[in-house]
């Protein structure tokens, strides 16, 4: 199991487009992918779940990935956050 801290860097936060990018990426992997904010944990393969995090710019989330392709899956999701989902960062 892998746990990583991720920060929402894009100005608009996790709105519909970034949420769907996370789900599309996560769904490519067999591993279980969860995102946690405070004490609330959601399935990273659910758009509704990701949207309910209401994560604004600067929010810190914990990525939890468990499965046989966990390293590749964690890297792929982390890259989305690092890139700011291709949106304006500041």
Protein backbone atom coordinates (compact mmCIF):
# COMPACT_ATOMS: atom_id res chain seq x y z
CA UNK A 1 0.00 0.00 0.00
CA UNK A 2 1.22 3.48 -0.92
CA UNK A 3 0.24 6.75 0.75
CA UNK A 4 1.23 10.16 -0.66
CA UNK A 5 0.31 13.71 0.24
CA UNK A 6 -0.99 15.72 -2.72
CA UNK A 7 -1.75 19.43 -2.94
CA UNK A 8 -4.38 20.93 -5.21
CA UNK A 9 -2.38 23.48 -7.19
CA UNK A 10 -4.81 24.75 -9.84
CA UNK A 11 -6.72 27.94 -9.09
CA UNK A 12 -10.23 26.49 -9.50
CA UNK A 13 -9.65 23.41 -7.29
CA UNK A 14 -11.23 20.03 -7.94
CA UNK A 15 -14.16 21.03 -10.13
CA UNK A 16 -15.76 18.74 -12.72
CA UNK A 17 -12.92 18.59 -15.27
CA UNK A 18 -10.10 17.74 -12.82
CA UNK A 19 -12.39 15.28 -11.03
CA UNK A 20 -13.10 13.48 -14.29
CA UNK A 21 -9.37 13.46 -15.14
CA UNK A 22 -8.64 11.78 -11.79
CA UNK A 23 -11.37 9.17 -12.33
CA UNK A 24 -10.32 8.50 -15.94
CA UNK A 25 -6.71 7.99 -14.84
CA UNK A 26 -7.56 5.92 -11.75
CA UNK A 27 -9.90 3.67 -13.73
CA UNK A 28 -7.00 2.53 -15.92
CA UNK A 29 -5.54 0.60 -12.98
CA UNK A 30 -6.61 -2.50 -11.08
CA UNK A 31 -5.47 -1.10 -7.72
CA UNK A 32 -7.90 0.38 -5.23
CA UNK A 33 -7.42 4.15 -5.26
CA UNK A 34 -8.72 6.32 -2.44
CA UNK A 35 -8.45 10.02 -1.69
CA UNK A 36 -8.72 11.33 1.87
CA UNK A 37 -9.36 14.86 3.06
CA UNK A 38 -9.42 15.27 6.82
CA UNK A 39 -11.40 12.21 7.97
CA UNK A 40 -13.41 11.82 4.76
CA UNK A 41 -12.26 9.06 2.38
CA UNK A 42 -13.64 8.51 -1.13
CA UNK A 43 -13.16 6.13 -4.04
CA UNK A 44 -10.84 7.78 -6.59
CA UNK A 45 -12.73 6.02 -9.38
CA UNK A 46 -15.98 7.89 -8.61
CA UNK A 47 -16.59 11.37 -10.05
CA UNK A 48 -19.25 12.07 -7.45
CA UNK A 49 -16.87 10.96 -4.71
CA UNK A 50 -14.03 13.19 -5.92
CA UNK A 51 -16.42 16.15 -6.28
CA UNK A 52 -17.65 15.74 -2.70
CA UNK A 53 -14.15 16.47 -1.41
CA UNK A 54 -14.74 20.13 -2.40
CA UNK A 55 -10.97 20.60 -2.52
CA UNK A 56 -9.94 24.18 -3.24
CA UNK A 57 -6.53 25.46 -4.32
CA UNK A 58 -4.02 24.70 -1.57
CA UNK A 59 -6.02 21.80 -0.09
CA UNK A 60 -3.96 18.78 0.92
CA UNK A 61 -5.27 15.30 0.16
CA UNK A 62 -3.88 11.89 0.98
CA UNK A 63 -3.68 9.47 -1.93
CA UNK A 64 -3.95 5.82 -0.88
CA UNK A 65 -3.28 3.14 -3.51
CA UNK A 66 -3.33 -0.59 -2.87
CA UNK A 67 -2.87 -3.32 -5.46
CA UNK A 68 -0.44 -4.96 -7.83
CA UNK A 69 -0.03 -1.86 -10.03
CA UNK A 70 -0.03 0.59 -7.09
CA UNK A 71 3.28 2.29 -7.89
CA UNK A 72 2.32 3.12 -11.47
CA UNK A 73 -1.19 4.16 -10.42
CA UNK A 74 0.08 6.45 -7.64
CA UNK A 75 2.60 8.06 -10.01
CA UNK A 76 -0.10 8.72 -12.63
CA UNK A 77 -2.51 10.37 -10.19
CA UNK A 78 0.28 12.33 -8.52
CA UNK A 79 1.34 13.68 -11.93
CA UNK A 80 -2.15 15.12 -12.50
CA UNK A 81 -1.90 17.09 -9.25
CA UNK A 82 1.69 18.19 -9.95
CA UNK A 83 0.65 19.50 -13.37
CA UNK A 84 -2.34 21.37 -11.91
CA UNK A 85 -4.59 19.36 -14.24
CA UNK A 86 -3.25 21.46 -17.10
CA UNK A 87 -4.87 24.58 -15.67
CA UNK A 88 -3.63 27.94 -14.42
CA UNK A 89 -1.74 27.50 -11.17
CA UNK A 90 -1.47 30.92 -9.56
